[in-house]
Amino acid sequence: MRNYKDSDYALNRYSQGIVYKFSDGIVEITLEDYLRDNPDKTEQGLSL
């Protein structure tokens, strides 16, 4: 991969959550963040 370090894959490869890259910064959303912001959801309800 040509620009591996700049790729979305590289950002998400070893992160705890999902990493979103924007033009003005990078945001990581973890499972704990998601569940805290969505109290009606559970970890068991999210598993596939």
Protein backbone atom coordinates (compact mmCIF):
# COMPACT_ATOMS: atom_id res chain seq x y z
CA MET A 1 0.00 0.00 0.00
CA ARG A 2 1.51 3.23 -1.13
CA ASN A 3 0.52 5.69 1.64
CA TYR A 4 -0.14 3.14 4.36
CA LYS A 5 0.48 5.49 7.30
CA ASP A 6 -2.07 7.95 5.94
CA SER A 7 -4.73 5.36 5.14
CA ASP A 8 -7.97 4.79 7.03
CA TYR A 9 -6.98 1.14 7.39
CA ALA A 10 -3.76 2.06 9.23
CA LEU A 11 -5.67 4.37 11.57
CA ASN A 12 -8.19 1.65 12.46
CA ARG A 13 -5.82 -1.35 12.48
CA TYR A 14 -4.75 -1.24 16.12
CA SER A 15 -7.27 1.18 17.62
CA GLN A 16 -9.73 0.31 20.37
CA GLY A 17 -12.67 1.82 18.51
CA ILE A 18 -13.53 3.15 15.09
CA VAL A 19 -11.41 6.03 13.84
CA TYR A 20 -12.88 8.72 11.60
CA LYS A 21 -10.53 11.05 9.75
CA PHE A 22 -11.81 14.52 8.86
CA SER A 23 -10.09 17.42 7.14
CA ASP A 24 -9.63 19.19 10.49
CA GLY A 25 -8.85 16.25 12.78
CA ILE A 26 -9.25 12.63 13.79
CA VAL A 27 -11.97 11.25 16.09
CA GLU A 28 -12.03 7.81 17.70
CA ILE A 29 -15.31 6.33 18.93
CA THR A 30 -15.01 3.42 21.35
CA LEU A 31 -17.71 0.97 22.35
CA GLU A 32 -17.84 2.60 25.79
CA ASP A 33 -18.41 6.03 24.19
CA TYR A 34 -21.20 4.66 22.03
CA LEU A 35 -22.94 2.87 24.91
CA ARG A 36 -22.63 5.92 27.16
CA ASP A 37 -24.28 8.11 24.49
CA ASN A 38 -26.95 5.48 23.73
CA PRO A 39 -28.19 4.15 27.09
CA ASP A 40 -30.97 2.13 25.42
CA LYS A 41 -28.36 -0.06 23.66
CA THR A 42 -26.41 -2.95 25.19
CA GLU A 43 -23.20 -4.69 24.21
CA GLN A 44 -25.09 -7.95 23.74
CA GLY A 45 -27.58 -6.25 21.41
CA LEU A 46 -24.71 -5.07 19.20
CA SER A 47 -23.00 -8.42 18.66
CA LEU A 48 -23.52 -10.18 15.35
